[in-house]
Amino acid sequence: PWNSLVAGLAGGAVIGMTTGRPQIVGATAIGVGLLMAFVDMSGAKTVRNEEELEFKRMGLLPKQHRESDALTALKEQFPQHKDL
């Protein structure tokens, strides 16, 4: 987290320098530095339960794709667009 803290401090200082006010430069540097350190410490994963996420993504799909009756009717009505 130290590398990301220092990089956040530098990046925040550059962003704060656009205002030209030293107080804003310092506050922005500290804020962005802390944000980057916290993001780095939280880790690479964005979810706590990966099995639940995998079920939400893939578990509700049928084993074999089946077109709905409405889609079949539309493909029959517009045969020039059936391969879209």
C-alpha atoms as a PDB file:
ATOM      1  CA  PRO A   1       0.000   0.000   0.000  1.00  0.00           C
ATOM      2  CA  TRP A   2       2.947   2.369   0.414  1.00  0.00           C
ATOM      3  CA  ASN A   3       3.631   2.606  -3.300  1.00  0.00           C
ATOM      4  CA  SER A   4       0.011   3.367  -4.053  1.00  0.00           C
ATOM      5  CA  LEU A   5      -0.095   5.909  -1.206  1.00  0.00           C
ATOM      6  CA  VAL A   6       2.913   7.781  -2.600  1.00  0.00           C
ATOM      7  CA  ALA A   7       1.560   7.580  -6.150  1.00  0.00           C
ATOM      8  CA  GLY A   8      -1.820   8.861  -4.939  1.00  0.00           C
ATOM      9  CA  LEU A   9      -0.131  11.721  -3.103  1.00  0.00           C
ATOM     10  CA  ALA A  10       1.753  12.705  -6.254  1.00  0.00           C
ATOM     11  CA  GLY A  11      -1.303  12.344  -8.472  1.00  0.00           C
ATOM     12  CA  GLY A  12      -3.496  14.263  -6.056  1.00  0.00           C
ATOM     13  CA  ALA A  13      -0.921  17.046  -5.854  1.00  0.00           C
ATOM     14  CA  VAL A  14      -0.873  17.346  -9.637  1.00  0.00           C
ATOM     15  CA  ILE A  15      -4.657  17.471  -9.728  1.00  0.00           C
ATOM     16  CA  GLY A  16      -4.728  20.039  -6.911  1.00  0.00           C
ATOM     17  CA  MET A  17      -2.158  22.246  -8.652  1.00  0.00           C
ATOM     18  CA  THR A  18      -4.748  23.138 -11.260  1.00  0.00           C
ATOM     19  CA  THR A  19      -6.382  25.384  -8.648  1.00  0.00           C
ATOM     20  CA  GLY A  20      -3.178  27.184  -7.669  1.00  0.00           C
ATOM     21  CA  ARG A  21      -4.060  27.112  -3.966  1.00  0.00           C
ATOM     22  CA  PRO A  22      -1.663  25.270  -1.616  1.00  0.00           C
ATOM     23  CA  GLN A  23      -4.442  24.177   0.743  1.00  0.00           C
ATOM     24  CA  ILE A  24      -6.301  22.480  -2.076  1.00  0.00           C
ATOM     25  CA  VAL A  25      -3.073  20.868  -3.325  1.00  0.00           C
ATOM     26  CA  GLY A  26      -2.398  19.361   0.112  1.00  0.00           C
ATOM     27  CA  ALA A  27      -5.962  18.246   0.734  1.00  0.00           C
ATOM     28  CA  THR A  28      -6.294  16.676  -2.704  1.00  0.00           C
ATOM     29  CA  ALA A  29      -2.945  14.913  -2.365  1.00  0.00           C
ATOM     30  CA  ILE A  30      -3.864  13.446   1.023  1.00  0.00           C
ATOM     31  CA  GLY A  31      -7.353  12.454  -0.121  1.00  0.00           C
ATOM     32  CA  VAL A  32      -6.278  10.745  -3.338  1.00  0.00           C
ATOM     33  CA  GLY A  33      -3.305   9.125  -1.598  1.00  0.00           C
ATOM     34  CA  LEU A  34      -5.505   7.614   1.105  1.00  0.00           C
ATOM     35  CA  LEU A  35      -8.079   6.502  -1.454  1.00  0.00           C
ATOM     36  CA  MET A  36      -5.427   4.728  -3.514  1.00  0.00           C
ATOM     37  CA  ALA A  37      -3.950   3.066  -0.420  1.00  0.00           C
ATOM     38  CA  PHE A  38      -7.384   1.815   0.706  1.00  0.00           C
ATOM     39  CA  VAL A  39      -8.150   0.488  -2.772  1.00  0.00           C
ATOM     40  CA  ASP A  40      -4.797  -1.298  -2.803  1.00  0.00           C
ATOM     41  CA  MET A  41      -5.374  -2.801   0.648  1.00  0.00           C
ATOM     42  CA  SER A  42      -8.841  -4.030  -0.257  1.00  0.00           C
ATOM     43  CA  GLY A  43      -7.298  -6.468  -2.712  1.00  0.00           C
ATOM     44  CA  ALA A  44      -7.914  -7.547  -6.257  1.00  0.00           C
ATOM     45  CA  LYS A  45     -11.295  -9.147  -5.624  1.00  0.00           C
ATOM     46  CA  THR A  46     -14.409  -7.034  -5.779  1.00  0.00           C
ATOM     47  CA  VAL A  47     -16.795  -9.551  -4.199  1.00  0.00           C
ATOM     48  CA  ARG A  48     -16.728 -11.505  -0.955  1.00  0.00           C
ATOM     49  CA  ASN A  49     -18.458 -14.667  -2.091  1.00  0.00           C
ATOM     50  CA  GLU A  50     -17.239 -15.669  -5.541  1.00  0.00           C
ATOM     51  CA  GLU A  51     -19.363 -18.828  -5.673  1.00  0.00           C
ATOM     52  CA  GLU A  52     -22.527 -16.756  -5.248  1.00  0.00           C
ATOM     53  CA  LEU A  53     -21.394 -14.376  -7.963  1.00  0.00           C
ATOM     54  CA  GLU A  54     -20.673 -17.277 -10.310  1.00  0.00           C
ATOM     55  CA  PHE A  55     -24.169 -18.642  -9.662  1.00  0.00           C
ATOM     56  CA  LYS A  56     -25.703 -15.252 -10.377  1.00  0.00           C
ATOM     57  CA  ARG A  57     -23.778 -15.027 -13.627  1.00  0.00           C
ATOM     58  CA  MET A  58     -24.058 -18.586 -14.893  1.00  0.00           C
ATOM     59  CA  GLY A  59     -26.359 -20.615 -12.662  1.00  0.00           C
ATOM     60  CA  LEU A  60     -29.667 -19.347 -13.980  1.00  0.00           C
ATOM     61  CA  LEU A  61     -28.997 -20.132 -17.628  1.00  0.00           C
ATOM     62  CA  PRO A  62     -30.462 -23.265 -19.185  1.00  0.00           C
ATOM     63  CA  LYS A  63     -28.074 -25.987 -20.323  1.00  0.00           C
ATOM     64  CA  GLN A  64     -29.162 -25.530 -23.933  1.00  0.00           C
ATOM     65  CA  HIS A  65     -30.279 -22.250 -25.482  1.00  0.00           C
ATOM     66  CA  ARG A  66     -33.944 -22.193 -26.483  1.00  0.00           C
ATOM     67  CA  GLU A  67     -35.480 -19.340 -28.415  1.00  0.00           C
ATOM     68  CA  SER A  68     -38.685 -17.857 -27.137  1.00  0.00           C
ATOM     69  CA  ASP A  69     -41.907 -18.131 -29.100  1.00  0.00           C
ATOM     70  CA  ALA A  70     -41.898 -14.375 -29.683  1.00  0.00           C
ATOM     71  CA  LEU A  71     -38.402 -14.476 -31.177  1.00  0.00           C
ATOM     72  CA  THR A  72     -39.324 -17.398 -33.418  1.00  0.00           C
ATOM     73  CA  ALA A  73     -42.379 -15.504 -34.634  1.00  0.00           C
ATOM     74  CA  LEU A  74     -40.277 -12.422 -35.372  1.00  0.00           C
ATOM     75  CA  LYS A  75     -37.755 -14.489 -37.313  1.00  0.00           C
ATOM     76  CA  GLU A  76     -40.582 -15.945 -39.387  1.00  0.00           C
ATOM     77  CA  GLN A  77     -42.046 -12.485 -39.950  1.00  0.00           C
ATOM     78  CA  PHE A  78     -38.705 -10.948 -40.954  1.00  0.00           C
ATOM     79  CA  PRO A  79     -36.630 -13.718 -42.588  1.00  0.00           C
ATOM     80  CA  GLN A  80     -34.031 -11.277 -43.929  1.00  0.00           C
ATOM     81  CA  HIS A  81     -32.930 -10.582 -40.331  1.00  0.00           C
ATOM     82  CA  LYS A  82     -33.012 -14.116 -38.922  1.00  0.00           C
ATOM     83  CA  ASP A  83     -29.210 -14.389 -38.612  1.00  0.00           C
ATOM     84  CA  LEU A  84     -28.721 -11.304 -36.459  1.00  0.00           C
END
